[in-house]
Amino acid sequence: HFTLYSYIKKQIKKTSGILKIKLRNIK
């Protein structure tokens, strides 16, 4: 169950986390 706020928060955190995985691996 998502409110608009919780949905935005989840999407930003998930996408940010995926990018950081990539950046850590590259580094």
mmCIF file of all heavy atoms, coordinates in Angstrom:
data_MODEL
# 
_entry.id   MODEL 
# 
loop_
_atom_site.group_PDB 
_atom_site.id 
_atom_site.type_symbol 
_atom_site.label_atom_id 
_atom_site.label_alt_id 
_atom_site.label_comp_id 
_atom_site.label_asym_id 
_atom_site.label_entity_id 
_atom_site.label_seq_id 
_atom_site.pdbx_PDB_ins_code 
_atom_site.Cartn_x 
_atom_site.Cartn_y 
_atom_site.Cartn_z 
_atom_site.occupancy 
_atom_site.B_iso_or_equiv 
_atom_site.pdbx_formal_charge 
_atom_site.auth_seq_id 
_atom_site.auth_comp_id 
_atom_site.auth_asym_id 
_atom_site.auth_atom_id 
_atom_site.pdbx_PDB_model_num 
ATOM 1   N N   . HIS A 1 1  ? 0.853  -1.192 0.000   1.00 0.00 ? 1  HIS A N   1 
ATOM 2   C CA  . HIS A 1 1  ? 0.000  0.000  0.000   1.00 0.00 ? 1  HIS A CA  1 
ATOM 3   C C   . HIS A 1 1  ? 0.886  1.239  0.000   1.00 0.00 ? 1  HIS A C   1 
ATOM 4   O O   . HIS A 1 1  ? 1.761  1.398  0.848   1.00 0.00 ? 1  HIS A O   1 
ATOM 5   C CB  . HIS A 1 1  ? -0.925 0.032  1.218   1.00 0.00 ? 1  HIS A CB  1 
ATOM 6   C CG  . HIS A 1 1  ? -1.747 1.285  1.275   1.00 0.00 ? 1  HIS A CG  1 
ATOM 7   N ND1 . HIS A 1 1  ? -2.788 1.520  0.394   1.00 0.00 ? 1  HIS A ND1 1 
ATOM 8   C CD2 . HIS A 1 1  ? -1.653 2.380  2.064   1.00 0.00 ? 1  HIS A CD2 1 
ATOM 9   C CE1 . HIS A 1 1  ? -3.310 2.713  0.662   1.00 0.00 ? 1  HIS A CE1 1 
ATOM 10  N NE2 . HIS A 1 1  ? -2.637 3.251  1.665   1.00 0.00 ? 1  HIS A NE2 1 
ATOM 11  N N   . PHE A 1 2  ? 0.663  2.103  -0.982  1.00 0.00 ? 2  PHE A N   1 
ATOM 12  C CA  . PHE A 1 2  ? 1.454  3.318  -1.113  1.00 0.00 ? 2  PHE A CA  1 
ATOM 13  C C   . PHE A 1 2  ? 0.567  4.551  -1.099  1.00 0.00 ? 2  PHE A C   1 
ATOM 14  O O   . PHE A 1 2  ? -0.494 4.572  -1.724  1.00 0.00 ? 2  PHE A O   1 
ATOM 15  C CB  . PHE A 1 2  ? 2.233  3.324  -2.437  1.00 0.00 ? 2  PHE A CB  1 
ATOM 16  C CG  . PHE A 1 2  ? 3.286  2.275  -2.546  1.00 0.00 ? 2  PHE A CG  1 
ATOM 17  C CD1 . PHE A 1 2  ? 3.074  1.138  -3.321  1.00 0.00 ? 2  PHE A CD1 1 
ATOM 18  C CD2 . PHE A 1 2  ? 4.492  2.405  -1.883  1.00 0.00 ? 2  PHE A CD2 1 
ATOM 19  C CE1 . PHE A 1 2  ? 4.046  0.165  -3.436  1.00 0.00 ? 2  PHE A CE1 1 
ATOM 20  C CE2 . PHE A 1 2  ? 5.482  1.434  -1.987  1.00 0.00 ? 2  PHE A CE2 1 
ATOM 21  C CZ  . PHE A 1 2  ? 5.250  0.314  -2.766  1.00 0.00 ? 2  PHE A CZ  1 
ATOM 22  N N   . THR A 1 3  ? 1.026  5.564  -0.373  1.00 0.00 ? 3  THR A N   1 
ATOM 23  C CA  . THR A 1 3  ? 0.519  6.912  -0.596  1.00 0.00 ? 3  THR A CA  1 
ATOM 24  C C   . THR A 1 3  ? 1.424  7.517  -1.664  1.00 0.00 ? 3  THR A C   1 
ATOM 25  O O   . THR A 1 3  ? 2.461  6.935  -2.013  1.00 0.00 ? 3  THR A O   1 
ATOM 26  C CB  . THR A 1 3  ? 0.601  7.756  0.688   1.00 0.00 ? 3  THR A CB  1 
ATOM 27  O OG1 . THR A 1 3  ? 1.997  7.873  1.069   1.00 0.00 ? 3  THR A OG1 1 
ATOM 28  C CG2 . THR A 1 3  ? -0.175 7.100  1.830   1.00 0.00 ? 3  THR A CG2 1 
ATOM 29  N N   . LEU A 1 4  ? 1.080  8.669  -2.186  1.00 0.00 ? 4  LEU A N   1 
ATOM 30  C CA  . LEU A 1 4  ? 1.938  9.302  -3.180  1.00 0.00 ? 4  LEU A CA  1 
ATOM 31  C C   . LEU A 1 4  ? 3.316  9.575  -2.583  1.00 0.00 ? 4  LEU A C   1 
ATOM 32  O O   . LEU A 1 4  ? 4.351  9.326  -3.222  1.00 0.00 ? 4  LEU A O   1 
ATOM 33  C CB  . LEU A 1 4  ? 1.318  10.606 -3.687  1.00 0.00 ? 4  LEU A CB  1 
ATOM 34  C CG  . LEU A 1 4  ? 2.144  11.372 -4.725  1.00 0.00 ? 4  LEU A CG  1 
ATOM 35  C CD1 . LEU A 1 4  ? 2.421  10.508 -5.948  1.00 0.00 ? 4  LEU A CD1 1 
ATOM 36  C CD2 . LEU A 1 4  ? 1.440  12.666 -5.131  1.00 0.00 ? 4  LEU A CD2 1 
ATOM 37  N N   . TYR A 1 5  ? 3.349  10.044 -1.332  1.00 0.00 ? 5  TYR A N   1 
ATOM 38  C CA  . TYR A 1 5  ? 4.618  10.354 -0.688  1.00 0.00 ? 5  TYR A CA  1 
ATOM 39  C C   . TYR A 1 5  ? 5.476  9.106  -0.517  1.00 0.00 ? 5  TYR A C   1 
ATOM 40  O O   . TYR A 1 5  ? 6.676  9.113  -0.842  1.00 0.00 ? 5  TYR A O   1 
ATOM 41  C CB  . TYR A 1 5  ? 4.377  11.003 0.682   1.00 0.00 ? 5  TYR A CB  1 
ATOM 42  C CG  . TYR A 1 5  ? 5.644  11.194 1.487   1.00 0.00 ? 5  TYR A CG  1 
ATOM 43  C CD1 . TYR A 1 5  ? 6.548  12.206 1.168   1.00 0.00 ? 5  TYR A CD1 1 
ATOM 44  C CD2 . TYR A 1 5  ? 5.946  10.335 2.552   1.00 0.00 ? 5  TYR A CD2 1 
ATOM 45  C CE1 . TYR A 1 5  ? 7.724  12.368 1.900   1.00 0.00 ? 5  TYR A CE1 1 
ATOM 46  C CE2 . TYR A 1 5  ? 7.114  10.492 3.286   1.00 0.00 ? 5  TYR A CE2 1 
ATOM 47  C CZ  . TYR A 1 5  ? 7.998  11.509 2.954   1.00 0.00 ? 5  TYR A CZ  1 
ATOM 48  O OH  . TYR A 1 5  ? 9.158  11.655 3.657   1.00 0.00 ? 5  TYR A OH  1 
ATOM 49  N N   . SER A 1 6  ? 4.890  8.013  -0.015  1.00 0.00 ? 6  SER A N   1 
ATOM 50  C CA  . SER A 1 6  ? 5.674  6.804  0.222   1.00 0.00 ? 6  SER A CA  1 
ATOM 51  C C   . SER A 1 6  ? 6.137  6.187  -1.100  1.00 0.00 ? 6  SER A C   1 
ATOM 52  O O   . SER A 1 6  ? 7.217  5.592  -1.173  1.00 0.00 ? 6  SER A O   1 
ATOM 53  C CB  . SER A 1 6  ? 4.863  5.780  1.033   1.00 0.00 ? 6  SER A CB  1 
ATOM 54  O OG  . SER A 1 6  ? 3.741  5.322  0.314   1.00 0.00 ? 6  SER A OG  1 
ATOM 55  N N   . TYR A 1 7  ? 5.337  6.350  -2.134  1.00 0.00 ? 7  TYR A N   1 
ATOM 56  C CA  . TYR A 1 7  ? 5.719  5.823  -3.444  1.00 0.00 ? 7  TYR A CA  1 
ATOM 57  C C   . TYR A 1 7  ? 6.921  6.588  -3.995  1.00 0.00 ? 7  TYR A C   1 
ATOM 58  O O   . TYR A 1 7  ? 7.889  5.987  -4.473  1.00 0.00 ? 7  TYR A O   1 
ATOM 59  C CB  . TYR A 1 7  ? 4.549  5.912  -4.419  1.00 0.00 ? 7  TYR A CB  1 
ATOM 60  C CG  . TYR A 1 7  ? 4.862  5.290  -5.763  1.00 0.00 ? 7  TYR A CG  1 
ATOM 61  C CD1 . TYR A 1 7  ? 4.725  3.921  -5.968  1.00 0.00 ? 7  TYR A CD1 1 
ATOM 62  C CD2 . TYR A 1 7  ? 5.319  6.067  -6.825  1.00 0.00 ? 7  TYR A CD2 1 
ATOM 63  C CE1 . TYR A 1 7  ? 5.027  3.340  -7.183  1.00 0.00 ? 7  TYR A CE1 1 
ATOM 64  C CE2 . TYR A 1 7  ? 5.620  5.493  -8.043  1.00 0.00 ? 7  TYR A CE2 1 
ATOM 65  C CZ  . TYR A 1 7  ? 5.467  4.129  -8.216  1.00 0.00 ? 7  TYR A CZ  1 
ATOM 66  O OH  . TYR A 1 7  ? 5.787  3.561  -9.427  1.00 0.00 ? 7  TYR A OH  1 
ATOM 67  N N   . ILE A 1 8  ? 6.870  7.922  -3.930  1.00 0.00 ? 8  ILE A N   1 
ATOM 68  C CA  . ILE A 1 8  ? 7.981  8.748  -4.409  1.00 0.00 ? 8  ILE A CA  1 
ATOM 69  C C   . ILE A 1 8  ? 9.252  8.411  -3.629  1.00 0.00 ? 8  ILE A C   1 
ATOM 70  O O   . ILE A 1 8  ? 10.329 8.235  -4.202  1.00 0.00 ? 8  ILE A O   1 
ATOM 71  C CB  . ILE A 1 8  ? 7.642  10.243 -4.267  1.00 0.00 ? 8  ILE A CB  1 
ATOM 72  C CG1 . ILE A 1 8  ? 6.536  10.626 -5.246  1.00 0.00 ? 8  ILE A CG1 1 
ATOM 73  C CG2 . ILE A 1 8  ? 8.876  11.110 -4.500  1.00 0.00 ? 8  ILE A CG2 1 
ATOM 74  C CD1 . ILE A 1 8  ? 6.007  12.044 -5.048  1.00 0.00 ? 8  ILE A CD1 1 
ATOM 75  N N   . LYS A 1 9  ? 9.118  8.309  -2.305  1.00 0.00 ? 9  LYS A N   1 
ATOM 76  C CA  . LYS A 1 9  ? 10.263 8.012  -1.446  1.00 0.00 ? 9  LYS A CA  1 
ATOM 77  C C   . LYS A 1 9  ? 10.891 6.670  -1.806  1.00 0.00 ? 9  LYS A C   1 
ATOM 78  O O   . LYS A 1 9  ? 12.127 6.545  -1.909  1.00 0.00 ? 9  LYS A O   1 
ATOM 79  C CB  . LYS A 1 9  ? 9.802  8.000  0.017   1.00 0.00 ? 9  LYS A CB  1 
ATOM 80  C CG  . LYS A 1 9  ? 10.917 7.835  1.033   1.00 0.00 ? 9  LYS A CG  1 
ATOM 81  C CD  . LYS A 1 9  ? 10.355 7.920  2.445   1.00 0.00 ? 9  LYS A CD  1 
ATOM 82  C CE  . LYS A 1 9  ? 11.450 7.705  3.492   1.00 0.00 ? 9  LYS A CE  1 
ATOM 83  N NZ  . LYS A 1 9  ? 10.904 7.768  4.872   1.00 0.00 ? 9  LYS A NZ  1 
ATOM 84  N N   . LYS A 1 10 ? 10.038 5.669  -2.041  1.00 0.00 ? 10 LYS A N   1 
ATOM 85  C CA  . LYS A 1 10 ? 10.538 4.333  -2.387  1.00 0.00 ? 10 LYS A CA  1 
ATOM 86  C C   . LYS A 1 10 ? 11.266 4.342  -3.729  1.00 0.00 ? 10 LYS A C   1 
ATOM 87  O O   . LYS A 1 10 ? 12.357 3.774  -3.864  1.00 0.00 ? 10 LYS A O   1 
ATOM 88  C CB  . LYS A 1 10 ? 9.378  3.357  -2.440  1.00 0.00 ? 10 LYS A CB  1 
ATOM 89  C CG  . LYS A 1 10 ? 9.793  1.947  -2.859  1.00 0.00 ? 10 LYS A CG  1 
ATOM 90  C CD  . LYS A 1 10 ? 8.758  1.326  -3.767  1.00 0.00 ? 10 LYS A CD  1 
ATOM 91  C CE  . LYS A 1 10 ? 9.246  0.014  -4.334  1.00 0.00 ? 10 LYS A CE  1 
ATOM 92  N NZ  . LYS A 1 10 ? 8.474  -0.436 -5.488  1.00 0.00 ? 10 LYS A NZ  1 
ATOM 93  N N   . GLN A 1 11 ? 10.690 4.995  -4.734  1.00 0.00 ? 11 GLN A N   1 
ATOM 94  C CA  . GLN A 1 11 ? 11.288 5.001  -6.064  1.00 0.00 ? 11 GLN A CA  1 
ATOM 95  C C   . GLN A 1 11 ? 12.636 5.713  -6.074  1.00 0.00 ? 11 GLN A C   1 
ATOM 96  O O   . GLN A 1 11 ? 13.590 5.262  -6.707  1.00 0.00 ? 11 GLN A O   1 
ATOM 97  C CB  . GLN A 1 11 ? 10.338 5.655  -7.073  1.00 0.00 ? 11 GLN A CB  1 
ATOM 98  C CG  . GLN A 1 11 ? 9.050  4.885  -7.329  1.00 0.00 ? 11 GLN A CG  1 
ATOM 99  C CD  . GLN A 1 11 ? 9.307  3.522  -7.945  1.00 0.00 ? 11 GLN A CD  1 
ATOM 100 O OE1 . GLN A 1 11 ? 9.764  2.590  -7.279  1.00 0.00 ? 11 GLN A OE1 1 
ATOM 101 N NE2 . GLN A 1 11 ? 9.026  3.396  -9.222  1.00 0.00 ? 11 GLN A NE2 1 
ATOM 102 N N   . ILE A 1 12 ? 12.709 6.832  -5.381  1.00 0.00 ? 12 ILE A N   1 
ATOM 103 C CA  . ILE A 1 12 ? 13.961 7.586  -5.335  1.00 0.00 ? 12 ILE A CA  1 
ATOM 104 C C   . ILE A 1 12 ? 15.037 6.785  -4.611  1.00 0.00 ? 12 ILE A C   1 
ATOM 105 O O   . ILE A 1 12 ? 16.186 6.696  -5.073  1.00 0.00 ? 12 ILE A O   1 
ATOM 106 C CB  . ILE A 1 12 ? 13.750 8.961  -4.668  1.00 0.00 ? 12 ILE A CB  1 
ATOM 107 C CG1 . ILE A 1 12 ? 12.888 9.857  -5.573  1.00 0.00 ? 12 ILE A CG1 1 
ATOM 108 C CG2 . ILE A 1 12 ? 15.084 9.636  -4.370  1.00 0.00 ? 12 ILE A CG2 1 
ATOM 109 C CD1 . ILE A 1 12 ? 12.531 11.192 -4.964  1.00 0.00 ? 12 ILE A CD1 1 
ATOM 110 N N   . LYS A 1 13 ? 14.692 6.171  -3.475  1.00 0.00 ? 13 LYS A N   1 
ATOM 111 C CA  . LYS A 1 13 ? 15.671 5.379  -2.715  1.00 0.00 ? 13 LYS A CA  1 
ATOM 112 C C   . LYS A 1 13 ? 16.131 4.156  -3.497  1.00 0.00 ? 13 LYS A C   1 
ATOM 113 O O   . LYS A 1 13 ? 17.317 3.811  -3.508  1.00 0.00 ? 13 LYS A O   1 
ATOM 114 C CB  . LYS A 1 13 ? 15.067 4.942  -1.379  1.00 0.00 ? 13 LYS A CB  1 
ATOM 115 C CG  . LYS A 1 13 ? 15.053 6.042  -0.328  1.00 0.00 ? 13 LYS A CG  1 
ATOM 116 C CD  . LYS A 1 13 ? 14.674 5.483  1.026   1.00 0.00 ? 13 LYS A CD  1 
ATOM 117 C CE  . LYS A 1 13 ? 14.847 6.525  2.122   1.00 0.00 ? 13 LYS A CE  1 
ATOM 118 N NZ  . LYS A 1 13 ? 14.543 5.968  3.454   1.00 0.00 ? 13 LYS A NZ  1 
ATOM 119 N N   . LYS A 1 14 ? 15.196 3.485  -4.161  1.00 0.00 ? 14 LYS A N   1 
ATOM 120 C CA  . LYS A 1 14 ? 15.554 2.287  -4.925  1.00 0.00 ? 14 LYS A CA  1 
ATOM 121 C C   . LYS A 1 14 ? 16.480 2.640  -6.088  1.00 0.00 ? 14 LYS A C   1 
ATOM 122 O O   . LYS A 1 14 ? 17.512 1.993  -6.291  1.00 0.00 ? 14 LYS A O   1 
ATOM 123 C CB  . LYS A 1 14 ? 14.290 1.590  -5.443  1.00 0.00 ? 14 LYS A CB  1 
ATOM 124 C CG  . LYS A 1 14 ? 14.582 0.307  -6.220  1.00 0.00 ? 14 LYS A CG  1 
ATOM 125 C CD  . LYS A 1 14 ? 13.305 -0.361 -6.687  1.00 0.00 ? 14 LYS A CD  1 
ATOM 126 C CE  . LYS A 1 14 ? 12.704 0.367  -7.869  1.00 0.00 ? 14 LYS A CE  1 
ATOM 127 N NZ  . LYS A 1 14 ? 11.541 -0.341 -8.449  1.00 0.00 ? 14 LYS A NZ  1 
ATOM 128 N N   . THR A 1 15 ? 16.106 3.662  -6.856  1.00 0.00 ? 15 THR A N   1 
ATOM 129 C CA  . THR A 1 15 ? 16.925 4.058  -8.008  1.00 0.00 ? 15 THR A CA  1 
ATOM 130 C C   . THR A 1 15 ? 18.290 4.558  -7.566  1.00 0.00 ? 15 THR A C   1 
ATOM 131 O O   . THR A 1 15 ? 19.315 4.237  -8.175  1.00 0.00 ? 15 THR A O   1 
ATOM 132 C CB  . THR A 1 15 ? 16.206 5.154  -8.814  1.00 0.00 ? 15 THR A CB  1 
ATOM 133 O OG1 . THR A 1 15 ? 14.868 4.741  -9.091  1.00 0.00 ? 15 THR A OG1 1 
ATOM 134 C CG2 . THR A 1 15 ? 16.920 5.421  -10.129 1.00 0.00 ? 15 THR A CG2 1 
ATOM 135 N N   . SER A 1 16 ? 18.310 5.333  -6.480  1.00 0.00 ? 16 SER A N   1 
ATOM 136 C CA  . SER A 1 16 ? 19.573 5.813  -5.927  1.00 0.00 ? 16 SER A CA  1 
ATOM 137 C C   . SER A 1 16 ? 20.449 4.649  -5.498  1.00 0.00 ? 16 SER A C   1 
ATOM 138 O O   . SER A 1 16 ? 21.664 4.628  -5.760  1.00 0.00 ? 16 SER A O   1 
ATOM 139 C CB  . SER A 1 16 ? 19.299 6.727  -4.723  1.00 0.00 ? 16 SER A CB  1 
ATOM 140 O OG  . SER A 1 16 ? 20.487 7.020  -4.030  1.00 0.00 ? 16 SER A OG  1 
ATOM 141 N N   . GLY A 1 17 ? 19.856 3.640  -4.850  1.00 0.00 ? 17 GLY A N   1 
ATOM 142 C CA  . GLY A 1 17 ? 20.599 2.481  -4.384  1.00 0.00 ? 17 GLY A CA  1 
ATOM 143 C C   . GLY A 1 17 ? 21.186 1.667  -5.516  1.00 0.00 ? 17 GLY A C   1 
ATOM 144 O O   . GLY A 1 17 ? 22.329 1.202  -5.440  1.00 0.00 ? 17 GLY A O   1 
ATOM 145 N N   . ILE A 1 18 ? 20.412 1.480  -6.598  1.00 0.00 ? 18 ILE A N   1 
ATOM 146 C CA  . ILE A 1 18 ? 20.898 0.734  -7.761  1.00 0.00 ? 18 ILE A CA  1 
ATOM 147 C C   . ILE A 1 18 ? 22.094 1.451  -8.386  1.00 0.00 ? 18 ILE A C   1 
ATOM 148 O O   . ILE A 1 18 ? 23.103 0.828  -8.737  1.00 0.00 ? 18 ILE A O   1 
ATOM 149 C CB  . ILE A 1 18 ? 19.770 0.553  -8.800  1.00 0.00 ? 18 ILE A CB  1 
ATOM 150 C CG1 . ILE A 1 18 ? 18.703 -0.410 -8.265  1.00 0.00 ? 18 ILE A CG1 1 
ATOM 151 C CG2 . ILE A 1 18 ? 20.333 0.026  -10.123 1.00 0.00 ? 18 ILE A CG2 1 
ATOM 152 C CD1 . ILE A 1 18 ? 17.473 -0.515 -9.143  1.00 0.00 ? 18 ILE A CD1 1 
ATOM 153 N N   . LEU A 1 19 ? 21.987 2.774  -8.531  1.00 0.00 ? 19 LEU A N   1 
ATOM 154 C CA  . LEU A 1 19 ? 23.095 3.539  -9.105  1.00 0.00 ? 19 LEU A CA  1 
ATOM 155 C C   . LEU A 1 19 ? 24.350 3.414  -8.242  1.00 0.00 ? 19 LEU A C   1 
ATOM 156 O O   . LEU A 1 19 ? 25.464 3.255  -8.760  1.00 0.00 ? 19 LEU A O   1 
ATOM 157 C CB  . LEU A 1 19 ? 22.709 5.006  -9.255  1.00 0.00 ? 19 LEU A CB  1 
ATOM 158 C CG  . LEU A 1 19 ? 23.818 5.916  -9.812  1.00 0.00 ? 19 LEU A CG  1 
ATOM 159 C CD1 . LEU A 1 19 ? 24.206 5.489  -11.223 1.00 0.00 ? 19 LEU A CD1 1 
ATOM 160 C CD2 . LEU A 1 19 ? 23.390 7.377  -9.794  1.00 0.00 ? 19 LEU A CD2 1 
ATOM 161 N N   . LYS A 1 20 ? 24.180 3.469  -6.923  1.00 0.00 ? 20 LYS A N   1 
ATOM 162 C CA  . LYS A 1 20 ? 25.339 3.379  -6.033  1.00 0.00 ? 20 LYS A CA  1 
ATOM 163 C C   . LYS A 1 20 ? 26.006 2.008  -6.120  1.00 0.00 ? 20 LYS A C   1 
ATOM 164 O O   . LYS A 1 20 ? 27.231 1.895  -5.999  1.00 0.00 ? 20 LYS A O   1 
ATOM 165 C CB  . LYS A 1 20 ? 24.930 3.696  -4.597  1.00 0.00 ? 20 LYS A CB  1 
ATOM 166 C CG  . LYS A 1 20 ? 24.685 5.178  -4.360  1.00 0.00 ? 20 LYS A CG  1 
ATOM 167 C CD  . LYS A 1 20 ? 24.347 5.471  -2.915  1.00 0.00 ? 20 LYS A CD  1 
ATOM 168 C CE  . LYS A 1 20 ? 24.190 6.962  -2.688  1.00 0.00 ? 20 LYS A CE  1 
ATOM 169 N NZ  . LYS A 1 20 ? 23.889 7.290  -1.277  1.00 0.00 ? 20 LYS A NZ  1 
ATOM 170 N N   . ILE A 1 21 ? 25.220 0.946  -6.324  1.00 0.00 ? 21 ILE A N   1 
ATOM 171 C CA  . ILE A 1 21 ? 25.801 -0.377 -6.541  1.00 0.00 ? 21 ILE A CA  1 
ATOM 172 C C   . ILE A 1 21 ? 26.715 -0.332 -7.763  1.00 0.00 ? 21 ILE A C   1 
ATOM 173 O O   . ILE A 1 21 ? 27.854 -0.813 -7.744  1.00 0.00 ? 21 ILE A O   1 
ATOM 174 C CB  . ILE A 1 21 ? 24.696 -1.443 -6.744  1.00 0.00 ? 21 ILE A CB  1 
ATOM 175 C CG1 . ILE A 1 21 ? 23.926 -1.687 -5.447  1.00 0.00 ? 21 ILE A CG1 1 
ATOM 176 C CG2 . ILE A 1 21 ? 25.306 -2.759 -7.240  1.00 0.00 ? 21 ILE A CG2 1 
ATOM 177 C CD1 . ILE A 1 21 ? 22.714 -2.585 -5.620  1.00 0.00 ? 21 ILE A CD1 1 
ATOM 178 N N   . LYS A 1 22 ? 26.202 0.266  -8.842  1.00 0.00 ? 22 LYS A N   1 
ATOM 179 C CA  . LYS A 1 22 ? 26.981 0.376  -10.076 1.00 0.00 ? 22 LYS A CA  1 
ATOM 180 C C   . LYS A 1 22 ? 28.252 1.173  -9.860  1.00 0.00 ? 22 LYS A C   1 
ATOM 181 O O   . LYS A 1 22 ? 29.343 0.789  -10.294 1.00 0.00 ? 22 LYS A O   1 
ATOM 182 C CB  . LYS A 1 22 ? 26.133 1.042  -11.167 1.00 0.00 ? 22 LYS A CB  1 
ATOM 183 C CG  . LYS A 1 22 ? 24.920 0.249  -11.608 1.00 0.00 ? 22 LYS A CG  1 
ATOM 184 C CD  . LYS A 1 22 ? 25.340 -0.948 -12.416 1.00 0.00 ? 22 LYS A CD  1 
ATOM 185 C CE  . LYS A 1 22 ? 24.137 -1.673 -12.996 1.00 0.00 ? 22 LYS A CE  1 
ATOM 186 N NZ  . LYS A 1 22 ? 24.538 -2.896 -13.721 1.00 0.00 ? 22 LYS A NZ  1 
ATOM 187 N N   . LEU A 1 23 ? 28.134 2.312  -9.189  1.00 0.00 ? 23 LEU A N   1 
ATOM 188 C CA  . LEU A 1 23 ? 29.281 3.195  -8.987  1.00 0.00 ? 23 LEU A CA  1 
ATOM 189 C C   . LEU A 1 23 ? 30.336 2.553  -8.093  1.00 0.00 ? 23 LEU A C   1 
ATOM 190 O O   . LEU A 1 23 ? 31.539 2.694  -8.326  1.00 0.00 ? 23 LEU A O   1 
ATOM 191 C CB  . LEU A 1 23 ? 28.812 4.532  -8.392  1.00 0.00 ? 23 LEU A CB  1 
ATOM 192 C CG  . LEU A 1 23 ? 27.937 5.394  -9.306  1.00 0.00 ? 23 LEU A CG  1 
ATOM 193 C CD1 . LEU A 1 23 ? 27.443 6.629  -8.553  1.00 0.00 ? 23 LEU A CD1 1 
ATOM 194 C CD2 . LEU A 1 23 ? 28.694 5.812  -10.565 1.00 0.00 ? 23 LEU A CD2 1 
ATOM 195 N N   . ARG A 1 24 ? 29.881 1.830  -7.055  1.00 0.00 ? 24 ARG A N   1 
ATOM 196 C CA  . ARG A 1 24 ? 30.841 1.140  -6.184  1.00 0.00 ? 24 ARG A CA  1 
ATOM 197 C C   . ARG A 1 24 ? 31.602 0.064  -6.959  1.00 0.00 ? 24 ARG A C   1 
ATOM 198 O O   . ARG A 1 24 ? 32.819 -0.103 -6.785  1.00 0.00 ? 24 ARG A O   1 
ATOM 199 C CB  . ARG A 1 24 ? 30.126 0.515  -4.983  1.00 0.00 ? 24 ARG A CB  1 
ATOM 200 C CG  . ARG A 1 24 ? 29.659 1.504  -3.940  1.00 0.00 ? 24 ARG A CG  1 
ATOM 201 C CD  . ARG A 1 24 ? 29.309 0.806  -2.635  1.00 0.00 ? 24 ARG A CD  1 
ATOM 202 N NE  . ARG A 1 24 ? 28.291 -0.207 -2.779  1.00 0.00 ? 24 ARG A NE  1 
ATOM 203 C CZ  . ARG A 1 24 ? 26.976 0.020  -2.686  1.00 0.00 ? 24 ARG A CZ  1 
ATOM 204 N NH1 . ARG A 1 24 ? 26.534 1.249  -2.452  1.00 0.00 ? 24 ARG A NH1 1 
ATOM 205 N NH2 . ARG A 1 24 ? 26.117 -0.967 -2.808  1.00 0.00 ? 24 ARG A NH2 1 
ATOM 206 N N   . ASN A 1 25 ? 30.883 -0.658 -7.814  1.00 0.00 ? 25 ASN A N   1 
ATOM 207 C CA  . ASN A 1 25 ? 31.524 -1.706 -8.606  1.00 0.00 ? 25 ASN A CA  1 
ATOM 208 C C   . ASN A 1 25 ? 32.534 -1.123 -9.586  1.00 0.00 ? 25 ASN A C   1 
ATOM 209 O O   . ASN A 1 25 ? 33.610 -1.682 -9.795  1.00 0.00 ? 25 ASN A O   1 
ATOM 210 C CB  . ASN A 1 25 ? 30.474 -2.522 -9.356  1.00 0.00 ? 25 ASN A CB  1 
ATOM 211 C CG  . ASN A 1 25 ? 29.703 -3.454 -8.448  1.00 0.00 ? 25 ASN A CG  1 
ATOM 212 O OD1 . ASN A 1 25 ? 30.117 -3.711 -7.323  1.00 0.00 ? 25 ASN A OD1 1 
ATOM 213 N ND2 . ASN A 1 25 ? 28.584 -3.959 -8.919  1.00 0.00 ? 25 ASN A ND2 1 
ATOM 214 N N   . ILE A 1 26 ? 32.170 -0.011 -10.211 1.00 0.00 ? 26 ILE A N   1 
ATOM 215 C CA  . ILE A 1 26 ? 33.081 0.639  -11.156 1.00 0.00 ? 26 ILE A CA  1 
ATOM 216 C C   . ILE A 1 26 ? 34.336 1.111  -10.433 1.00 0.00 ? 26 ILE A C   1 
ATOM 217 O O   . ILE A 1 26 ? 35.460 0.925  -10.901 1.00 0.00 ? 26 ILE A O   1 
ATOM 218 C CB  . ILE A 1 26 ? 32.380 1.820  -11.853 1.00 0.00 ? 26 ILE A CB  1 
ATOM 219 C CG1 . ILE A 1 26 ? 31.279 1.299  -12.785 1.00 0.00 ? 26 ILE A CG1 1 
ATOM 220 C CG2 . ILE A 1 26 ? 33.384 2.660  -12.644 1.00 0.00 ? 26 ILE A CG2 1 
ATOM 221 C CD1 . ILE A 1 26 ? 30.390 2.384  -13.350 1.00 0.00 ? 26 ILE A CD1 1 
ATOM 222 N N   . LYS A 1 27 ? 34.145 1.715  -9.254  1.00 0.00 ? 27 LYS A N   1 
ATOM 223 C CA  . LYS A 1 27 ? 35.286 2.241  -8.493  1.00 0.00 ? 27 LYS A CA  1 
ATOM 224 C C   . LYS A 1 27 ? 36.205 1.129  -8.017  1.00 0.00 ? 27 LYS A C   1 
ATOM 225 O O   . LYS A 1 27 ? 37.437 1.282  -7.987  1.00 0.00 ? 27 LYS A O   1 
ATOM 226 C CB  . LYS A 1 27 ? 34.781 3.054  -7.303  1.00 0.00 ? 27 LYS A CB  1 
ATOM 227 C CG  . LYS A 1 27 ? 35.886 3.783  -6.556  1.00 0.00 ? 27 LYS A CG  1 
ATOM 228 C CD  . LYS A 1 27 ? 35.330 4.678  -5.466  1.00 0.00 ? 27 LYS A CD  1 
ATOM 229 C CE  . LYS A 1 27 ? 36.461 5.405  -4.738  1.00 0.00 ? 27 LYS A CE  1 
ATOM 230 N NZ  . LYS A 1 27 ? 35.958 6.294  -3.656  1.00 0.00 ? 27 LYS A NZ  1 
# 
